[in-house]
Amino acid sequence: RTPRERGLLQLRDAENGRERLLDLTSDSARAAVATCRRAHDQGLSRALDGLAIDHVILGSIDPPLPALLRLFRRRRGGQR
């Protein structure tokens, strides 16, 4: 999810420690970030589905319990 706040967002890559600044002041920049995030999540889901791996994509803002309960209900129903 794109952060609610507007402005500059400092990001650090957990693997290599590189830092980047992301400008979220304009609507077009925010829309581009949201589009990239959705495309990434959809690609990841397709790849995991293709390998028959159960998965849930969790955000850092939303509570995880509803998404996990949906996954468990799907499993109980025999769906993937």
PDB file of N, CA and C in Angstrom:
ATOM      1  N   ARG A   1       0.844  -1.169   0.000  1.00  0.00           N
ATOM      2  CA  ARG A   1       0.000   0.000   0.000  1.00  0.00           C
ATOM      3  C   ARG A   1       0.890   1.234   0.000  1.00  0.00           C
ATOM      4  N   THR A   2       0.464   2.238  -0.734  1.00  0.00           N
ATOM      5  CA  THR A   2       1.198   3.499  -0.759  1.00  0.00           C
ATOM      6  C   THR A   2       0.953   4.235   0.554  1.00  0.00           C
ATOM      7  N   PRO A   3       1.988   4.764   1.177  1.00  0.00           N
ATOM      8  CA  PRO A   3       1.790   5.491   2.437  1.00  0.00           C
ATOM      9  C   PRO A   3       0.775   6.620   2.282  1.00  0.00           C
ATOM     10  N   ARG A   4       0.022   6.870   3.324  1.00  0.00           N
ATOM     11  CA  ARG A   4      -0.990   7.940   3.293  1.00  0.00           C
ATOM     12  C   ARG A   4      -0.353   9.320   3.237  1.00  0.00           C
ATOM     13  N   GLU A   5       0.785   9.455   3.883  1.00  0.00           N
ATOM     14  CA  GLU A   5       1.440  10.749   3.946  1.00  0.00           C
ATOM     15  C   GLU A   5       2.079  11.097   2.608  1.00  0.00           C
ATOM     16  N   ARG A   6       2.151  12.374   2.330  1.00  0.00           N
ATOM     17  CA  ARG A   6       2.837  12.855   1.132  1.00  0.00           C
ATOM     18  C   ARG A   6       4.195  13.392   1.550  1.00  0.00           C
ATOM     19  N   GLY A   7       5.118  13.401   0.612  1.00  0.00           N
ATOM     20  CA  GLY A   7       6.451  13.934   0.896  1.00  0.00           C
ATOM     21  C   GLY A   7       7.518  12.948   0.497  1.00  0.00           C
ATOM     22  N   LEU A   8       8.669  13.102   1.110  1.00  0.00           N
ATOM     23  CA  LEU A   8       9.803  12.237   0.804  1.00  0.00           C
ATOM     24  C   LEU A   8       9.813  11.050   1.760  1.00  0.00           C
ATOM     25  N   LEU A   9      10.052   9.878   1.196  1.00  0.00           N
ATOM     26  CA  LEU A   9      10.113   8.648   1.978  1.00  0.00           C
ATOM     27  C   LEU A   9      11.491   8.043   1.789  1.00  0.00           C
ATOM     28  N   GLN A  10      12.218   7.852   2.875  1.00  0.00           N
ATOM     29  CA  GLN A  10      13.550   7.257   2.800  1.00  0.00           C
ATOM     30  C   GLN A  10      13.423   5.743   2.945  1.00  0.00           C
ATOM     31  N   LEU A  11      13.992   5.026   1.984  1.00  0.00           N
ATOM     32  CA  LEU A  11      13.947   3.565   1.976  1.00  0.00           C
ATOM     33  C   LEU A  11      15.360   3.010   2.080  1.00  0.00           C
ATOM     34  N   ARG A  12      15.492   1.887   2.769  1.00  0.00           N
ATOM     35  CA  ARG A  12      16.794   1.221   2.854  1.00  0.00           C
ATOM     36  C   ARG A  12      16.616  -0.224   2.447  1.00  0.00           C
ATOM     37  N   ASP A  13      17.442  -0.678   1.522  1.00  0.00           N
ATOM     38  CA  ASP A  13      17.419  -2.060   1.061  1.00  0.00           C
ATOM     39  C   ASP A  13      17.971  -2.939   2.173  1.00  0.00           C
ATOM     40  N   ALA A  14      17.180  -3.905   2.615  1.00  0.00           N
ATOM     41  CA  ALA A  14      17.585  -4.766   3.732  1.00  0.00           C
ATOM     42  C   ALA A  14      18.752  -5.673   3.371  1.00  0.00           C
ATOM     43  N   GLU A  15      18.927  -5.961   2.077  1.00  0.00           N
ATOM     44  CA  GLU A  15      19.990  -6.880   1.683  1.00  0.00           C
ATOM     45  C   GLU A  15      21.337  -6.193   1.516  1.00  0.00           C
ATOM     46  N   ASN A  16      21.341  -5.000   0.920  1.00  0.00           N
ATOM     47  CA  ASN A  16      22.643  -4.370   0.658  1.00  0.00           C
ATOM     48  C   ASN A  16      22.849  -3.053   1.415  1.00  0.00           C
ATOM     49  N   GLY A  17      21.841  -2.593   2.138  1.00  0.00           N
ATOM     50  CA  GLY A  17      21.978  -1.391   2.946  1.00  0.00           C
ATOM     51  C   GLY A  17      21.882  -0.082   2.173  1.00  0.00           C
ATOM     52  N   ARG A  18      21.704  -0.153   0.852  1.00  0.00           N
ATOM     53  CA  ARG A  18      21.601   1.074   0.060  1.00  0.00           C
ATOM     54  C   ARG A  18      20.348   1.845   0.417  1.00  0.00           C
ATOM     55  N   GLU A  19      20.500   3.152   0.490  1.00  0.00           N
ATOM     56  CA  GLU A  19      19.358   4.000   0.807  1.00  0.00           C
ATOM     57  C   GLU A  19      18.933   4.783  -0.426  1.00  0.00           C
ATOM     58  N   ARG A  20      17.618   4.976  -0.514  1.00  0.00           N
ATOM     59  CA  ARG A  20      17.047   5.735  -1.628  1.00  0.00           C
ATOM     60  C   ARG A  20      15.967   6.644  -1.074  1.00  0.00           C
ATOM     61  N   LEU A  21      15.733   7.720  -1.780  1.00  0.00           N
ATOM     62  CA  LEU A  21      14.693   8.665  -1.414  1.00  0.00           C
ATOM     63  C   LEU A  21      13.587   8.575  -2.459  1.00  0.00           C
ATOM     64  N   LEU A  22      12.363   8.384  -2.015  1.00  0.00           N
ATOM     65  CA  LEU A  22      11.217   8.266  -2.907  1.00  0.00           C
ATOM     66  C   LEU A  22      10.331   9.484  -2.685  1.00  0.00           C
ATOM     67  N   ASP A  23      10.051  10.212  -3.755  1.00  0.00           N
ATOM     68  CA  ASP A  23       9.245  11.432  -3.679  1.00  0.00           C
ATOM     69  C   ASP A  23       7.781  11.088  -3.906  1.00  0.00           C
ATOM     70  N   LEU A  24       6.971  11.209  -2.869  1.00  0.00           N
ATOM     71  CA  LEU A  24       5.552  10.888  -2.946  1.00  0.00           C
ATOM     72  C   LEU A  24       4.687  12.140  -2.846  1.00  0.00           C
ATOM     73  N   THR A  25       5.200  13.254  -3.343  1.00  0.00           N
ATOM     74  CA  THR A  25       4.431  14.496  -3.235  1.00  0.00           C
ATOM     75  C   THR A  25       3.369  14.622  -4.315  1.00  0.00           C
ATOM     76  N   SER A  26       3.606  14.080  -5.499  1.00  0.00           N
ATOM     77  CA  SER A  26       2.644  14.251  -6.594  1.00  0.00           C
ATOM     78  C   SER A  26       1.710  13.051  -6.698  1.00  0.00           C
ATOM     79  N   ASP A  27       0.509  13.310  -7.198  1.00  0.00           N
ATOM     80  CA  ASP A  27      -0.460  12.234  -7.408  1.00  0.00           C
ATOM     81  C   ASP A  27       0.055  11.216  -8.411  1.00  0.00           C
ATOM     82  N   SER A  28       0.742  11.690  -9.459  1.00  0.00           N
ATOM     83  CA  SER A  28       1.237  10.764 -10.481  1.00  0.00           C
ATOM     84  C   SER A  28       2.318   9.841  -9.920  1.00  0.00           C
ATOM     85  N   ALA A  29       3.173  10.352  -9.052  1.00  0.00           N
ATOM     86  CA  ALA A  29       4.206   9.509  -8.438  1.00  0.00           C
ATOM     87  C   ALA A  29       3.571   8.467  -7.523  1.00  0.00           C
ATOM     88  N   ARG A  30       2.570   8.886  -6.777  1.00  0.00           N
ATOM     89  CA  ARG A  30       1.883   7.962  -5.872  1.00  0.00           C
ATOM     90  C   ARG A  30       1.164   6.875  -6.663  1.00  0.00           C
ATOM     91  N   ALA A  31       0.545   7.263  -7.786  1.00  0.00           N
ATOM     92  CA  ALA A  31      -0.146   6.292  -8.635  1.00  0.00           C
ATOM     93  C   ALA A  31       0.847   5.301  -9.243  1.00  0.00           C
ATOM     94  N   ALA A  32       2.016   5.788  -9.640  1.00  0.00           N
ATOM     95  CA  ALA A  32       3.039   4.909 -10.218  1.00  0.00           C
ATOM     96  C   ALA A  32       3.536   3.905  -9.184  1.00  0.00           C
ATOM     97  N   VAL A  33       3.742   4.353  -7.965  1.00  0.00           N
ATOM     98  CA  VAL A  33       4.183   3.444  -6.899  1.00  0.00           C
ATOM     99  C   VAL A  33       3.110   2.384  -6.641  1.00  0.00           C
ATOM    100  N   ALA A  34       1.851   2.795  -6.592  1.00  0.00           N
ATOM    101  CA  ALA A  34       0.760   1.850  -6.350  1.00  0.00           C
ATOM    102  C   ALA A  34       0.665   0.829  -7.495  1.00  0.00           C
ATOM    103  N   THR A  35       0.833   1.285  -8.714  1.00  0.00           N
ATOM    104  CA  THR A  35       0.788   0.389  -9.873  1.00  0.00           C
ATOM    105  C   THR A  35       1.921  -0.626  -9.826  1.00  0.00           C
ATOM    106  N   CYS A  36       3.122  -0.171  -9.503  1.00  0.00           N
ATOM    107  CA  CYS A  36       4.273  -1.085  -9.394  1.00  0.00           C
ATOM    108  C   CYS A  36       4.065  -2.111  -8.286  1.00  0.00           C
ATOM    109  N   ARG A  37       3.526  -1.657  -7.170  1.00  0.00           N
ATOM    110  CA  ARG A  37       3.287  -2.560  -6.036  1.00  0.00           C
ATOM    111  C   ARG A  37       2.283  -3.641  -6.411  1.00  0.00           C
ATOM    112  N   ARG A  38       1.180  -3.232  -7.067  1.00  0.00           N
ATOM    113  CA  ARG A  38       0.171  -4.206  -7.488  1.00  0.00           C
ATOM    114  C   ARG A  38       0.750  -5.206  -8.481  1.00  0.00           C
ATOM    115  N   ALA A  39       1.517  -4.716  -9.439  1.00  0.00           N
ATOM    116  CA  ALA A  39       2.124  -5.603 -10.438  1.00  0.00           C
ATOM    117  C   ALA A  39       3.070  -6.592  -9.776  1.00  0.00           C
ATOM    118  N   HIS A  40       3.853  -6.130  -8.814  1.00  0.00           N
ATOM    119  CA  HIS A  40       4.768  -7.014  -8.084  1.00  0.00           C
ATOM    120  C   HIS A  40       3.995  -8.089  -7.332  1.00  0.00           C
ATOM    121  N   ASP A  41       2.967  -7.669  -6.595  1.00  0.00           N
ATOM    122  CA  ASP A  41       2.182  -8.616  -5.810  1.00  0.00           C
ATOM    123  C   ASP A  41       1.479  -9.635  -6.708  1.00  0.00           C
ATOM    124  N   GLN A  42       0.932  -9.179  -7.836  1.00  0.00           N
ATOM    125  CA  GLN A  42       0.250 -10.088  -8.755  1.00  0.00           C
ATOM    126  C   GLN A  42       1.231 -11.083  -9.371  1.00  0.00           C
ATOM    127  N   GLY A  43       2.409 -10.614  -9.740  1.00  0.00           N
ATOM    128  CA  GLY A  43       3.423 -11.513 -10.294  1.00  0.00           C
ATOM    129  C   GLY A  43       3.879 -12.546  -9.286  1.00  0.00           C
ATOM    130  N   LEU A  44       4.078 -12.111  -8.057  1.00  0.00           N
ATOM    131  CA  LEU A  44       4.469 -13.034  -6.996  1.00  0.00           C
ATOM    132  C   LEU A  44       3.375 -14.073  -6.760  1.00  0.00           C
ATOM    133  N   SER A  45       2.131 -13.626  -6.714  1.00  0.00           N
ATOM    134  CA  SER A  45       1.015 -14.556  -6.510  1.00  0.00           C
ATOM    135  C   SER A  45       0.925 -15.574  -7.644  1.00  0.00           C
ATOM    136  N   ARG A  46       1.087 -15.113  -8.883  1.00  0.00           N
ATOM    137  CA  ARG A  46       1.042 -16.043 -10.028  1.00  0.00           C
ATOM    138  C   ARG A  46       2.162 -17.083  -9.930  1.00  0.00           C
ATOM    139  N   ALA A  47       3.352 -16.624  -9.576  1.00  0.00           N
ATOM    140  CA  ALA A  47       4.486 -17.547  -9.474  1.00  0.00           C
ATOM    141  C   ALA A  47       4.241 -18.581  -8.383  1.00  0.00           C
ATOM    142  N   LEU A  48       3.759 -18.153  -7.233  1.00  0.00           N
ATOM    143  CA  LEU A  48       3.506 -19.089  -6.136  1.00  0.00           C
ATOM    144  C   LEU A  48       2.340 -20.014  -6.446  1.00  0.00           C
ATOM    145  N   ASP A  49       1.291 -19.468  -7.087  1.00  0.00           N
ATOM    146  CA  ASP A  49       0.174 -20.319  -7.499  1.00  0.00           C
ATOM    147  C   ASP A  49       0.649 -21.395  -8.472  1.00  0.00           C
ATOM    148  N   GLY A  50       1.528 -21.020  -9.390  1.00  0.00           N
ATOM    149  CA  GLY A  50       2.053 -21.964 -10.367  1.00  0.00           C
ATOM    150  C   GLY A  50       2.838 -23.090  -9.728  1.00  0.00           C
ATOM    151  N   LEU A  51       3.363 -22.843  -8.553  1.00  0.00           N
ATOM    152  CA  LEU A  51       4.110 -23.870  -7.822  1.00  0.00           C
ATOM    153  C   LEU A  51       3.254 -24.548  -6.757  1.00  0.00           C
ATOM    154  N   ALA A  52       1.960 -24.220  -6.736  1.00  0.00           N
ATOM    155  CA  ALA A  52       1.007 -24.764  -5.757  1.00  0.00           C
ATOM    156  C   ALA A  52       1.450 -24.474  -4.323  1.00  0.00           C
ATOM    157  N   ILE A  53       1.935 -23.257  -4.095  1.00  0.00           N
ATOM    158  CA  ILE A  53       2.363 -22.833  -2.759  1.00  0.00           C
ATOM    159  C   ILE A  53       1.314 -21.889  -2.193  1.00  0.00           C
ATOM    160  N   ASP A  54       0.740 -22.249  -1.041  1.00  0.00           N
ATOM    161  CA  ASP A  54      -0.193 -21.362  -0.363  1.00  0.00           C
ATOM    162  C   ASP A  54       0.546 -20.114   0.083  1.00  0.00           C
ATOM    163  N   HIS A  55      -0.108 -18.981  -0.040  1.00  0.00           N
ATOM    164  CA  HIS A  55       0.550 -17.736   0.353  1.00  0.00           C
ATOM    165  C   HIS A  55      -0.477 -16.664   0.687  1.00  0.00           C
ATOM    166  N   VAL A  56      -0.035 -15.705   1.448  1.00  0.00           N
ATOM    167  CA  VAL A  56      -0.814 -14.517   1.777  1.00  0.00           C
ATOM    168  C   VAL A  56       0.144 -13.344   1.687  1.00  0.00           C
ATOM    169  N   ILE A  57      -0.256 -12.313   0.994  1.00  0.00           N
ATOM    170  CA  ILE A  57       0.559 -11.097   0.936  1.00  0.00           C
ATOM    171  C   ILE A  57       0.015 -10.152   1.995  1.00  0.00           C
ATOM    172  N   LEU A  58       0.852  -9.850   2.972  1.00  0.00           N
ATOM    173  CA  LEU A  58       0.456  -9.005   4.093  1.00  0.00           C
ATOM    174  C   LEU A  58       1.104  -7.633   3.964  1.00  0.00           C
ATOM    175  N   GLY A  59       0.373  -6.627   4.361  1.00  0.00           N
ATOM    176  CA  GLY A  59       0.919  -5.277   4.408  1.00  0.00           C
ATOM    177  C   GLY A  59       1.353  -4.937   5.817  1.00  0.00           C
ATOM    178  N   SER A  60       2.021  -3.835   5.961  1.00  0.00           N
ATOM    179  CA  SER A  60       2.490  -3.432   7.286  1.00  0.00           C
ATOM    180  C   SER A  60       1.452  -2.599   8.025  1.00  0.00           C
ATOM    181  N   ILE A  61       0.392  -2.193   7.342  1.00  0.00           N
ATOM    182  CA  ILE A  61      -0.619  -1.328   7.966  1.00  0.00           C
ATOM    183  C   ILE A  61      -1.844  -2.132   8.388  1.00  0.00           C
ATOM    184  N   ASP A  62      -2.289  -3.039   7.520  1.00  0.00           N
ATOM    185  CA  ASP A  62      -3.519  -3.789   7.779  1.00  0.00           C
ATOM    186  C   ASP A  62      -3.267  -4.918   8.766  1.00  0.00           C
ATOM    187  N   PRO A  63      -4.271  -5.233   9.587  1.00  0.00           N
ATOM    188  CA  PRO A  63      -4.103  -6.366  10.498  1.00  0.00           C
ATOM    189  C   PRO A  63      -4.016  -7.670   9.695  1.00  0.00           C
ATOM    190  N   PRO A  64      -3.129  -8.581  10.077  1.00  0.00           N
ATOM    191  CA  PRO A  64      -2.928  -9.810   9.298  1.00  0.00           C
ATOM    192  C   PRO A  64      -4.008 -10.867   9.511  1.00  0.00           C
ATOM    193  N   LEU A  65      -4.728 -10.814  10.599  1.00  0.00           N
ATOM    194  CA  LEU A  65      -5.656 -11.893  10.944  1.00  0.00           C
ATOM    195  C   LEU A  65      -6.730 -12.154   9.878  1.00  0.00           C
ATOM    196  N   PRO A  66      -7.421 -11.148   9.340  1.00  0.00           N
ATOM    197  CA  PRO A  66      -8.441 -11.450   8.321  1.00  0.00           C
ATOM    198  C   PRO A  66      -7.868 -12.183   7.106  1.00  0.00           C
ATOM    199  N   ALA A  67      -6.716 -11.776   6.632  1.00  0.00           N
ATOM    200  CA  ALA A  67      -6.109 -12.438   5.465  1.00  0.00           C
ATOM    201  C   ALA A  67      -5.710 -13.874   5.807  1.00  0.00           C
ATOM    202  N   LEU A  68      -5.186 -14.089   6.991  1.00  0.00           N
ATOM    203  CA  LEU A  68      -4.808 -15.445   7.399  1.00  0.00           C
ATOM    204  C   LEU A  68      -6.031 -16.342   7.564  1.00  0.00           C
ATOM    205  N   LEU A  69      -7.105 -15.787   8.111  1.00  0.00           N
ATOM    206  CA  LEU A  69      -8.328 -16.580   8.257  1.00  0.00           C
ATOM    207  C   LEU A  69      -8.895 -16.972   6.895  1.00  0.00           C
ATOM    208  N   ARG A  70      -8.829 -16.066   5.905  1.00  0.00           N
ATOM    209  CA  ARG A  70      -9.276 -16.413   4.551  1.00  0.00           C
ATOM    210  C   ARG A  70      -8.439 -17.566   3.989  1.00  0.00           C
ATOM    211  N   LEU A  71      -7.135 -17.517   4.204  1.00  0.00           N
ATOM    212  CA  LEU A  71      -6.257 -18.591   3.738  1.00  0.00           C
ATOM    213  C   LEU A  71      -6.646 -19.925   4.392  1.00  0.00           C
ATOM    214  N   PHE A  72      -6.852 -19.917   5.695  1.00  0.00           N
ATOM    215  CA  PHE A  72      -7.188 -21.155   6.397  1.00  0.00           C
ATOM    216  C   PHE A  72      -8.546 -21.699   5.949  1.00  0.00           C
ATOM    217  N   ARG A  73      -9.501 -20.804   5.689  1.00  0.00           N
ATOM    218  CA  ARG A  73     -10.810 -21.251   5.198  1.00  0.00           C
ATOM    219  C   ARG A  73     -10.683 -21.878   3.813  1.00  0.00           C
ATOM    220  N   ARG A  74      -9.856 -21.272   2.952  1.00  0.00           N
ATOM    221  CA  ARG A  74      -9.629 -21.847   1.620  1.00  0.00           C
ATOM    222  C   ARG A  74      -8.992 -23.230   1.743  1.00  0.00           C
ATOM    223  N   ARG A  75      -8.035 -23.345   2.628  1.00  0.00           N
ATOM    224  CA  ARG A  75      -7.374 -24.649   2.820  1.00  0.00           C
ATOM    225  C   ARG A  75      -8.360 -25.691   3.300  1.00  0.00           C
ATOM    226  N   ARG A  76      -9.198 -25.302   4.253  1.00  0.00           N
ATOM    227  CA  ARG A  76     -10.179 -26.239   4.809  1.00  0.00           C
ATOM    228  C   ARG A  76     -11.160 -26.688   3.731  1.00  0.00           C
ATOM    229  N   GLY A  77     -11.466 -25.798   2.800  1.00  0.00           N
ATOM    230  CA  GLY A  77     -12.390 -26.122   1.723  1.00  0.00           C
ATOM    231  C   GLY A  77     -11.725 -26.863   0.572  1.00  0.00           C
ATOM    232  N   GLY A  78     -10.430 -27.106   0.666  1.00  0.00           N
ATOM    233  CA  GLY A  78      -9.722 -27.848  -0.373  1.00  0.00           C
ATOM    234  C   GLY A  78      -9.314 -26.993  -1.554  1.00  0.00           C
ATOM    235  N   GLN A  79      -9.437 -25.684  -1.425  1.00  0.00           N
ATOM    236  CA  GLN A  79      -9.018 -24.780  -2.509  1.00  0.00           C
ATOM    237  C   GLN A  79      -7.608 -24.310  -2.268  1.00  0.00           C
ATOM    238  N   ARG A  80      -6.955 -23.908  -3.352  1.00  0.00           N
ATOM    239  CA  ARG A  80      -5.614 -23.329  -3.234  1.00  0.00           C
ATOM    240  C   ARG A  80      -5.626 -21.918  -3.699  1.00  0.00           C
TER     241      ARG A  80
END
